[in-house]
Amino acid sequence: MFPYWSSKRAASDLDRLASTTLFRIAIAGLLTCLHLLVFRYAGQDRLELPFNSAPNEAPYYSDPDASSIRGIPRQPHHWSRLIVSRWDAQHYIGFAIRGITACPTDGETATDLQYLECGLAWLPAYGVVGGAVSDVTGMPADITLFMMSILAALIVNLLWTSRAIVERLGRLETYATLVAFNIFPTAFYLVTPYTESATLALVLAGFVLLMRDRWVLAGLFVGAATALRATAVGFAAGLATAAAIAAYRRRKSGDPKWWRPALAIPLAGWGQLVQLLVLKIVVGDAKAYLRAREAFGDERHYTRLFDPEWYVQGFTAQHMDSVMLLGCIAIVGLTCREVFRRFKLEESIYLAVSMAVTVMISIVSVHEYWGLNRYLLLCPLVFIGTGTLVRKHYVVLGLWLVLCAAIYWHVELCSYIAQGDSRICPCLGRIEYWFPFRS
């Protein structure tokens, strides 16, 4: 009896420790730091570069109207000095330095290509906010965006272990979810000057607020996310659907305040609406972002959703995207019944609808397969489902985590820091995009 009693007491002590705010902050910080350490090691191992290759040279424009897509090296100068700054980081750093001042201001005479060249194929809100913070603090734009992402990453990891989620999943499953999320192949984007960490912080906060029946606040947070990423519309759709169903059920049950959830519906996309208004005022066309995306070559291929050939070819894509896509779908298929059993109906709807819309938008919109694994990072249902495997299907969980870790290091992270150079990353599939990383 003594060993049993001891192990039971130890488990109880560990559970109490894991519930403390200090422990949660420590774990969130540890996981965030691990991403940074992996970046540092990858830079040295793959490229023989330090974390900051130009510590005395802040990013700047020698030509304030320089094109965002033409010329090598591209401006702003030194935009890729940090090992975490690659690919689209250039555009967010550019917005932080010059805003959208390089864009034309007359929508009737401006061309789609002009909107593309001033950077509007990427939503400017995150970079512009970073620029405002940089002006106040005096920090270089890239450092500011980097620090903003780290702060958001800490918040994301804290939200994963919030009391509301623990109450639904259980302590062990919650921490398994946290680990699965941070080992996902594209989780390193949390500490880059990208919008992933801020977007996830907002939509996870919205989810926690939904679970706490704070619908207006949930709408404000999810709505803010739509200003950062176009694919955040999936969470807006998920929240609006969940709110409508919650209001209907409460009205049917006779609740006199049945209308409260419905207040979140008009708020779910407020960030995108504000951004459209700003674009109309500043650059002359509310559709400037869409016009820039068209000039960038965006197309919609709805037939992909039902095309087996497209999925099969994705196994040999640059980042082996079909491996993760079909794996995530399999995880959700295996665990959805258990997940939905633990969450209320409106909570399950938020998770399911947001994932369905995000995945569908990603499949029909991506160039080749580029970035699909990044979009899967914005599917909380996948990680919650993975966490529920910890008790009954721990072998499946272990194999999934090993696969994720391998693709994280050998494929996604390597491709990111080397900007698609297969000479540096031999595990990549057929090359879709490649770009010289030095600026």
Protein backbone atom coordinates (compact mmCIF):
# COMPACT_ATOMS: atom_id res chain seq x y z
CA MET A 1 0.00 0.00 0.00
CA PHE A 2 2.89 2.37 0.76
CA PRO A 3 4.23 2.61 -2.82
CA TYR A 4 0.71 3.16 -4.11
CA TRP A 5 0.06 5.83 -1.49
CA SER A 6 3.38 7.53 -2.27
CA SER A 7 2.80 7.58 -6.01
CA LYS A 8 -0.72 8.88 -5.52
CA ARG A 9 0.51 11.63 -3.23
CA ALA A 10 3.31 12.51 -5.66
CA ALA A 11 0.80 12.76 -8.49
CA SER A 12 -1.41 15.00 -6.38
CA ASP A 13 1.55 17.25 -5.50
CA LEU A 14 2.56 17.44 -9.15
CA ASP A 15 -0.99 18.33 -10.17
CA ARG A 16 -1.06 21.15 -7.61
CA LEU A 17 2.30 22.40 -8.85
CA ALA A 18 1.16 22.32 -12.49
CA SER A 19 -1.87 24.42 -11.61
CA THR A 20 0.13 27.30 -10.16
CA THR A 21 0.59 30.47 -12.18
CA LEU A 22 4.36 30.50 -11.59
CA PHE A 23 4.75 26.98 -12.96
CA ARG A 24 2.62 27.79 -16.00
CA ILE A 25 4.67 30.90 -16.72
CA ALA A 26 7.89 28.92 -16.33
CA ILE A 27 6.74 26.23 -18.79
CA ALA A 28 5.50 28.83 -21.27
CA GLY A 29 8.83 30.64 -21.06
CA LEU A 30 10.83 27.43 -21.35
CA LEU A 31 9.03 26.33 -24.51
CA THR A 32 9.43 29.77 -26.07
CA CYS A 33 13.13 29.80 -25.24
CA LEU A 34 13.55 26.33 -26.75
CA HIS A 35 12.34 27.64 -30.10
CA LEU A 36 14.90 30.43 -29.88
CA LEU A 37 17.69 28.03 -28.94
CA VAL A 38 16.82 25.78 -31.86
CA PHE A 39 16.95 28.81 -34.17
CA ARG A 40 20.36 29.75 -32.79
CA TYR A 41 21.73 26.23 -33.23
CA ALA A 42 20.20 25.86 -36.71
CA GLY A 43 21.78 29.13 -37.85
CA GLN A 44 25.22 27.98 -36.76
CA ASP A 45 24.82 24.39 -37.94
CA ARG A 46 23.19 25.04 -41.32
CA LEU A 47 24.51 28.46 -42.33
CA GLU A 48 27.38 29.25 -39.94
CA LEU A 49 25.55 32.45 -39.03
CA PRO A 50 25.05 34.00 -35.58
CA PHE A 51 21.59 34.86 -34.30
CA ASN A 52 22.18 38.49 -35.33
CA SER A 53 24.57 38.85 -38.27
CA ALA A 54 24.60 42.68 -38.17
CA PRO A 55 24.09 43.81 -34.56
CA ASN A 56 25.15 47.39 -35.29
CA GLU A 57 23.03 47.85 -38.43
CA ALA A 58 19.29 48.40 -37.95
CA PRO A 59 17.03 47.83 -40.98
CA TYR A 60 16.45 50.96 -43.08
CA TYR A 61 15.37 52.13 -46.53
CA SER A 62 17.81 54.00 -48.73
CA ASP A 63 14.86 54.47 -51.11
CA PRO A 64 11.61 55.12 -49.19
CA ASP A 65 9.59 53.95 -52.19
CA ALA A 66 11.62 50.83 -52.94
CA SER A 67 9.68 47.86 -54.30
CA SER A 68 8.88 45.08 -51.84
CA ILE A 69 9.25 42.38 -54.47
CA ARG A 70 11.94 43.55 -56.91
CA GLY A 71 15.68 43.72 -56.67
CA ILE A 72 18.28 41.67 -54.84
CA PRO A 73 19.09 42.41 -52.13
CA ARG A 74 15.64 43.70 -51.30
CA GLN A 75 14.98 46.61 -49.02
CA PRO A 76 14.84 47.45 -46.19
CA HIS A 77 18.57 46.86 -45.87
CA HIS A 78 19.56 44.31 -43.19
CA TRP A 79 15.98 43.07 -42.86
CA SER A 80 17.22 39.46 -42.57
CA ARG A 81 20.04 40.11 -40.10
CA LEU A 82 18.19 38.14 -37.42
CA ILE A 83 18.12 34.40 -38.04
CA VAL A 84 14.37 34.50 -37.28
CA SER A 85 13.75 37.02 -40.09
CA ARG A 86 13.21 35.29 -43.41
CA TRP A 87 10.72 35.30 -46.28
CA ASP A 88 7.64 37.40 -45.40
CA ALA A 89 9.39 39.00 -42.42
CA GLN A 90 10.75 41.49 -44.95
CA HIS A 91 7.28 42.90 -45.57
CA TYR A 92 6.24 43.18 -41.92
CA ILE A 93 9.54 44.87 -41.07
CA GLY A 94 9.01 47.14 -44.07
CA PHE A 95 5.57 48.18 -42.80
CA ALA A 96 7.09 48.88 -39.38
CA ILE A 97 9.65 51.23 -40.92
CA ARG A 98 7.67 53.08 -43.60
CA GLY A 99 4.06 52.08 -43.03
CA ILE A 100 2.14 52.17 -46.30
CA THR A 101 3.58 55.48 -47.46
CA ALA A 102 5.06 53.88 -50.59
CA CYS A 103 1.58 52.99 -51.87
CA PRO A 104 -0.37 55.06 -54.40
CA THR A 105 -3.22 57.12 -52.98
CA ASP A 106 -5.63 57.18 -55.92
CA GLY A 107 -7.43 53.87 -56.25
CA GLU A 108 -8.82 54.71 -59.68
CA THR A 109 -5.43 55.28 -61.32
CA ALA A 110 -3.34 52.86 -59.25
CA THR A 111 -2.54 49.48 -60.76
CA ASP A 112 -2.66 46.13 -58.99
CA LEU A 113 1.10 45.83 -59.48
CA GLN A 114 1.71 49.12 -57.67
CA TYR A 115 -0.22 47.87 -54.66
CA LEU A 116 1.84 44.68 -54.78
CA GLU A 117 5.14 46.52 -54.98
CA CYS A 118 4.38 48.68 -51.96
CA GLY A 119 3.82 45.49 -49.94
CA LEU A 120 0.04 45.31 -49.70
CA ALA A 121 -0.07 41.65 -50.70
CA TRP A 122 0.59 41.21 -46.96
CA LEU A 123 -1.76 42.73 -44.40
CA PRO A 124 -0.02 45.78 -42.88
CA ALA A 125 -1.64 45.97 -39.43
CA TYR A 126 0.97 43.96 -37.49
CA GLY A 127 3.88 45.82 -39.03
CA VAL A 128 2.26 49.23 -38.56
CA VAL A 129 1.58 48.50 -34.88
CA GLY A 130 5.18 47.36 -34.53
CA GLY A 131 6.33 50.60 -36.11
CA ALA A 132 4.33 52.61 -33.58
CA VAL A 133 5.90 50.64 -30.72
CA SER A 134 9.34 51.10 -32.29
CA ASP A 135 8.82 54.87 -32.48
CA VAL A 136 7.97 54.98 -28.78
CA THR A 137 10.69 52.64 -27.52
CA GLY A 138 13.45 53.55 -29.97
CA MET A 139 14.11 49.87 -30.73
CA PRO A 140 14.87 48.82 -34.33
CA ALA A 141 11.77 47.67 -36.22
CA ASP A 142 12.88 44.05 -36.56
CA ILE A 143 13.70 43.77 -32.85
CA THR A 144 10.34 45.30 -31.96
CA LEU A 145 8.37 42.82 -34.08
CA PHE A 146 10.52 39.98 -32.77
CA MET A 147 9.82 40.96 -29.15
CA MET A 148 6.10 41.38 -29.89
CA SER A 149 6.01 37.85 -31.26
CA ILE A 150 7.85 36.45 -28.25
CA LEU A 151 5.37 38.13 -25.90
CA ALA A 152 2.47 36.76 -27.94
CA ALA A 153 4.08 33.28 -27.91
CA LEU A 154 4.26 33.37 -24.11
CA ILE A 155 0.59 34.35 -23.97
CA VAL A 156 -0.34 31.54 -26.36
CA ASN A 157 1.42 28.94 -24.22
CA LEU A 158 -0.22 30.33 -21.09
CA LEU A 159 -3.65 30.21 -22.71
CA TRP A 160 -3.17 26.55 -23.56
CA THR A 161 -2.93 25.79 -19.83
CA SER A 162 -5.71 28.15 -18.74
CA ARG A 163 -8.19 26.94 -16.15
CA ALA A 164 -11.04 26.81 -18.66
CA ILE A 165 -9.18 24.35 -20.90
CA VAL A 166 -7.93 22.28 -17.96
CA GLU A 167 -11.52 21.96 -16.69
CA ARG A 168 -12.56 20.49 -20.04
CA LEU A 169 -9.56 18.31 -20.88
CA GLY A 170 -7.85 17.47 -17.59
CA ARG A 171 -4.36 18.49 -16.48
CA LEU A 172 -2.40 15.72 -18.21
CA GLU A 173 -4.24 16.14 -21.51
CA THR A 174 -3.78 19.91 -21.35
CA TYR A 175 -0.01 19.68 -21.01
CA ALA A 176 0.11 17.03 -23.71
CA THR A 177 -1.76 19.50 -25.93
CA LEU A 178 0.80 22.19 -25.09
CA VAL A 179 3.72 19.91 -25.99
CA ALA A 180 2.07 18.73 -29.22
CA PHE A 181 1.47 22.33 -30.24
CA ASN A 182 5.09 23.37 -29.66
CA ILE A 183 6.54 20.37 -31.48
CA PHE A 184 4.36 20.90 -34.54
CA PRO A 185 6.65 21.42 -37.59
CA THR A 186 5.79 25.10 -38.00
CA ALA A 187 5.60 26.06 -34.31
CA PHE A 188 8.87 28.00 -34.63
CA TYR A 189 6.90 30.72 -36.43
CA LEU A 190 5.74 31.76 -32.96
CA VAL A 191 9.07 33.54 -32.38
CA THR A 192 9.48 35.09 -35.84
CA PRO A 193 8.42 38.61 -36.95
CA TYR A 194 5.27 37.04 -38.42
CA THR A 195 1.63 37.28 -37.39
CA GLU A 196 1.17 33.66 -36.26
CA SER A 197 1.77 34.14 -32.54
CA ALA A 198 -0.34 37.30 -32.25
CA THR A 199 -3.17 35.72 -34.26
CA LEU A 200 -3.14 32.58 -32.13
CA ALA A 201 -3.04 34.63 -28.92
CA LEU A 202 -6.16 36.50 -29.99
CA VAL A 203 -8.19 33.51 -31.21
CA LEU A 204 -7.25 31.33 -28.23
CA ALA A 205 -8.18 34.19 -25.90
CA GLY A 206 -11.48 34.39 -27.76
CA PHE A 207 -11.97 30.66 -27.24
CA VAL A 208 -11.28 30.89 -23.50
CA LEU A 209 -13.67 33.85 -23.23
CA LEU A 210 -16.31 31.88 -25.12
CA MET A 211 -15.94 29.07 -22.57
CA ARG A 212 -16.41 31.67 -19.83
CA ASP A 213 -19.57 32.96 -21.52
CA ARG A 214 -17.95 36.35 -22.28
CA TRP A 215 -19.27 36.66 -25.80
CA VAL A 216 -18.65 40.36 -26.43
CA LEU A 217 -15.02 40.10 -25.35
CA ALA A 218 -14.65 36.94 -27.43
CA GLY A 219 -15.93 38.87 -30.44
CA LEU A 220 -13.48 41.72 -29.82
CA PHE A 221 -10.49 39.39 -29.59
CA VAL A 222 -11.38 37.19 -32.56
CA GLY A 223 -12.33 40.26 -34.58
CA ALA A 224 -8.92 41.80 -33.90
CA ALA A 225 -7.25 38.68 -35.31
CA THR A 226 -8.92 39.24 -38.69
CA ALA A 227 -6.83 42.39 -39.11
CA LEU A 228 -3.63 40.34 -38.88
CA ARG A 229 -4.28 37.36 -41.15
CA ALA A 230 -6.80 36.82 -43.91
CA THR A 231 -7.23 33.18 -42.84
CA ALA A 232 -8.45 34.37 -39.42
CA VAL A 233 -11.82 34.66 -41.12
CA GLY A 234 -12.14 30.98 -40.24
CA PHE A 235 -12.24 31.86 -36.54
CA ALA A 236 -14.71 34.67 -37.24
CA ALA A 237 -16.94 32.13 -38.98
CA GLY A 238 -16.51 29.69 -36.11
CA LEU A 239 -17.40 32.29 -33.49
CA ALA A 240 -20.38 33.62 -35.44
CA THR A 241 -21.75 30.09 -35.94
CA ALA A 242 -21.22 29.16 -32.28
CA ALA A 243 -22.85 32.41 -31.12
CA ALA A 244 -25.88 31.92 -33.36
CA ILE A 245 -26.44 28.37 -32.15
CA ALA A 246 -25.90 29.34 -28.50
CA ALA A 247 -28.44 32.17 -28.81
CA TYR A 248 -30.95 29.87 -30.49
CA ARG A 249 -30.62 27.17 -27.82
CA ARG A 250 -30.96 29.70 -25.01
CA ARG A 251 -34.04 31.25 -26.56
CA LYS A 252 -35.56 27.81 -27.00
CA SER A 253 -34.88 27.05 -23.33
CA GLY A 254 -36.58 30.28 -22.25
CA ASP A 255 -33.51 32.22 -21.13
CA PRO A 256 -34.56 35.93 -20.96
CA LYS A 257 -31.03 36.99 -21.95
CA TRP A 258 -30.76 34.56 -24.83
CA TRP A 259 -29.50 37.32 -27.13
CA ARG A 260 -26.17 37.83 -25.36
CA PRO A 261 -24.14 35.37 -27.49
CA ALA A 262 -25.48 37.04 -30.64
CA LEU A 263 -23.64 40.24 -29.71
CA ALA A 264 -20.42 38.54 -30.79
CA ILE A 265 -21.59 38.04 -34.38
CA PRO A 266 -21.16 41.63 -35.67
CA LEU A 267 -17.86 41.91 -33.79
CA ALA A 268 -16.29 38.75 -35.21
CA GLY A 269 -14.80 40.50 -38.24
CA TRP A 270 -14.38 44.06 -37.01
CA GLY A 271 -10.60 44.10 -37.54
CA GLN A 272 -10.91 43.34 -41.23
CA LEU A 273 -13.63 45.95 -41.65
CA VAL A 274 -11.48 48.61 -39.97
CA GLN A 275 -8.56 47.67 -42.19
CA LEU A 276 -10.71 47.98 -45.31
CA LEU A 277 -11.79 51.43 -44.17
CA VAL A 278 -8.20 52.49 -43.53
CA LEU A 279 -7.10 51.24 -46.95
CA LYS A 280 -9.92 53.17 -48.57
CA ILE A 281 -8.89 56.37 -46.81
CA VAL A 282 -5.11 56.04 -47.14
CA VAL A 283 -4.49 54.26 -50.46
CA GLY A 284 -7.75 54.96 -52.22
CA ASP A 285 -9.21 51.46 -52.49
CA ALA A 286 -10.62 49.21 -49.80
CA LYS A 287 -9.81 46.23 -52.03
CA ALA A 288 -6.12 47.16 -52.37
CA TYR A 289 -5.04 44.01 -50.51
CA LEU A 290 -7.09 41.76 -52.79
CA ARG A 291 -5.81 43.58 -55.86
CA ALA A 292 -2.23 43.12 -54.69
CA ARG A 293 -2.84 39.42 -54.10
CA GLU A 294 -4.19 39.06 -57.63
CA ALA A 295 -1.05 40.73 -58.98
CA PHE A 296 0.96 38.30 -56.85
CA GLY A 297 -0.73 35.45 -58.69
CA ASP A 298 -3.41 34.32 -56.26
CA GLU A 299 -5.96 31.95 -57.73
CA ARG A 300 -8.70 29.78 -56.27
CA HIS A 301 -8.59 26.08 -57.14
CA TYR A 302 -11.72 24.62 -55.57
CA THR A 303 -11.28 21.33 -57.42
CA ARG A 304 -8.30 20.55 -55.20
CA LEU A 305 -10.64 19.76 -52.33
CA PHE A 306 -11.76 16.60 -54.11
CA ASP A 307 -8.69 15.83 -56.22
CA PRO A 308 -6.78 12.76 -54.92
CA GLU A 309 -3.90 13.49 -57.28
CA TRP A 310 -3.25 16.85 -55.61
CA TYR A 311 -3.01 15.25 -52.17
CA VAL A 312 -0.76 12.42 -53.37
CA GLN A 313 1.64 14.79 -55.10
CA GLY A 314 1.81 16.78 -51.87
CA PHE A 315 3.83 13.98 -50.25
CA THR A 316 6.79 15.01 -52.41
CA ALA A 317 6.16 18.76 -52.15
CA GLN A 318 8.90 21.02 -50.82
CA HIS A 319 7.71 20.68 -47.20
CA MET A 320 5.91 17.34 -47.55
CA ASP A 321 2.70 19.19 -46.82
CA SER A 322 0.33 16.31 -47.49
CA VAL A 323 2.03 14.31 -44.73
CA MET A 324 0.96 16.87 -42.14
CA LEU A 325 -2.37 17.70 -43.76
CA LEU A 326 -3.59 14.11 -43.87
CA GLY A 327 -1.99 13.41 -40.50
CA CYS A 328 -3.90 16.28 -38.91
CA ILE A 329 -7.14 15.14 -40.51
CA ALA A 330 -6.50 11.62 -39.19
CA ILE A 331 -5.81 12.95 -35.67
CA VAL A 332 -9.07 14.91 -35.71
CA GLY A 333 -10.98 11.92 -37.08
CA LEU A 334 -9.58 9.66 -34.38
CA THR A 335 -10.22 12.05 -31.49
CA CYS A 336 -13.17 14.26 -32.44
CA ARG A 337 -15.75 12.19 -30.59
CA GLU A 338 -13.73 12.36 -27.39
CA VAL A 339 -12.98 16.08 -27.82
CA PHE A 340 -16.60 17.00 -28.52
CA ARG A 341 -17.68 14.93 -25.52
CA ARG A 342 -15.55 17.10 -23.26
CA PHE A 343 -16.54 20.49 -24.67
CA LYS A 344 -19.92 22.17 -24.83
CA LEU A 345 -21.72 22.29 -28.16
CA GLU A 346 -20.87 25.92 -28.95
CA GLU A 347 -17.23 25.36 -27.99
CA SER A 348 -16.99 22.34 -30.26
CA ILE A 349 -18.59 24.29 -33.09
CA TYR A 350 -16.02 27.07 -32.72
CA LEU A 351 -13.18 24.55 -32.96
CA ALA A 352 -14.67 22.54 -35.81
CA VAL A 353 -15.86 25.40 -38.02
CA SER A 354 -12.68 27.41 -37.62
CA MET A 355 -10.57 24.42 -38.62
CA ALA A 356 -12.80 23.47 -41.55
CA VAL A 357 -12.80 26.98 -43.00
CA THR A 358 -9.07 27.48 -42.40
CA VAL A 359 -8.15 24.20 -44.07
CA MET A 360 -10.45 24.75 -47.03
CA ILE A 361 -9.17 28.28 -47.61
CA SER A 362 -5.61 27.01 -47.39
CA ILE A 363 -6.09 24.15 -49.83
CA VAL A 364 -7.82 26.21 -52.51
CA SER A 365 -5.54 29.25 -52.17
CA VAL A 366 -1.94 28.14 -51.67
CA HIS A 367 0.61 28.45 -54.46
CA GLU A 368 1.48 24.83 -55.22
CA TYR A 369 1.63 23.59 -51.59
CA TRP A 370 3.57 26.53 -50.20
CA GLY A 371 2.73 27.47 -46.62
CA LEU A 372 0.09 24.81 -46.04
CA ASN A 373 1.83 23.53 -42.91
CA ARG A 374 1.87 27.10 -41.57
CA TYR A 375 -1.89 27.35 -41.91
CA LEU A 376 -2.35 24.07 -40.04
CA LEU A 377 -0.73 25.73 -37.02
CA LEU A 378 -3.92 27.82 -36.84
CA CYS A 379 -6.09 24.76 -36.14
CA PRO A 380 -6.41 24.35 -32.33
CA LEU A 381 -8.66 21.32 -32.77
CA VAL A 382 -5.66 19.32 -34.03
CA PHE A 383 -3.61 19.96 -30.89
CA ILE A 384 -6.49 19.46 -28.48
CA GLY A 385 -7.22 16.16 -30.20
CA THR A 386 -3.55 15.18 -29.98
CA GLY A 387 -3.58 15.90 -26.26
CA THR A 388 -6.48 13.51 -25.67
CA LEU A 389 -4.33 10.64 -27.01
CA VAL A 390 -2.06 10.74 -23.97
CA ARG A 391 -3.91 8.15 -21.87
CA LYS A 392 -5.30 5.53 -24.23
CA HIS A 393 -3.28 6.01 -27.42
CA TYR A 394 0.11 7.10 -26.09
CA VAL A 395 1.96 5.05 -28.71
CA VAL A 396 0.18 6.96 -31.49
CA LEU A 397 0.94 10.19 -29.65
CA GLY A 398 4.62 9.29 -29.39
CA LEU A 399 4.93 8.40 -33.06
CA TRP A 400 3.16 11.62 -34.07
CA LEU A 401 5.47 13.73 -31.93
CA VAL A 402 8.55 12.04 -33.39
CA LEU A 403 7.27 12.70 -36.93
CA CYS A 404 6.52 16.33 -36.09
CA ALA A 405 9.94 16.87 -34.52
CA ALA A 406 11.70 15.38 -37.55
CA ILE A 407 9.84 17.58 -40.03
CA TYR A 408 10.29 20.59 -37.72
CA TRP A 409 14.11 20.29 -37.78
CA HIS A 410 14.95 18.71 -41.13
CA VAL A 411 12.29 20.29 -43.33
CA GLU A 412 10.37 23.33 -42.12
CA LEU A 413 12.95 25.13 -39.95
CA CYS A 414 15.83 24.37 -42.31
CA SER A 415 13.84 25.58 -45.31
CA TYR A 416 12.86 28.72 -43.43
CA ILE A 417 16.32 29.86 -42.40
CA ALA A 418 17.88 28.86 -45.75
CA GLN A 419 14.93 30.25 -47.71
CA GLY A 420 14.29 27.06 -49.61
CA ASP A 421 17.88 26.24 -50.58
CA SER A 422 17.96 22.47 -51.15
CA ARG A 423 21.78 22.51 -51.08
CA ILE A 424 21.54 23.33 -47.39
CA CYS A 425 18.40 21.29 -46.68
CA PRO A 426 18.71 17.90 -48.43
CA CYS A 427 15.44 16.59 -46.96
CA LEU A 428 13.27 19.01 -48.93
CA GLY A 429 10.98 17.72 -51.64
CA ARG A 430 10.69 19.25 -55.08
CA ILE A 431 11.48 22.94 -54.85
CA GLU A 432 8.56 25.33 -55.22
CA TYR A 433 10.23 28.53 -53.97
CA TRP A 434 13.80 29.58 -53.28
CA PHE A 435 15.22 32.98 -52.45
CA PRO A 436 18.75 34.21 -51.52
CA PHE A 437 18.65 34.78 -47.77
CA ARG A 438 21.24 37.53 -47.45
CA SER A 439 20.03 41.14 -47.62
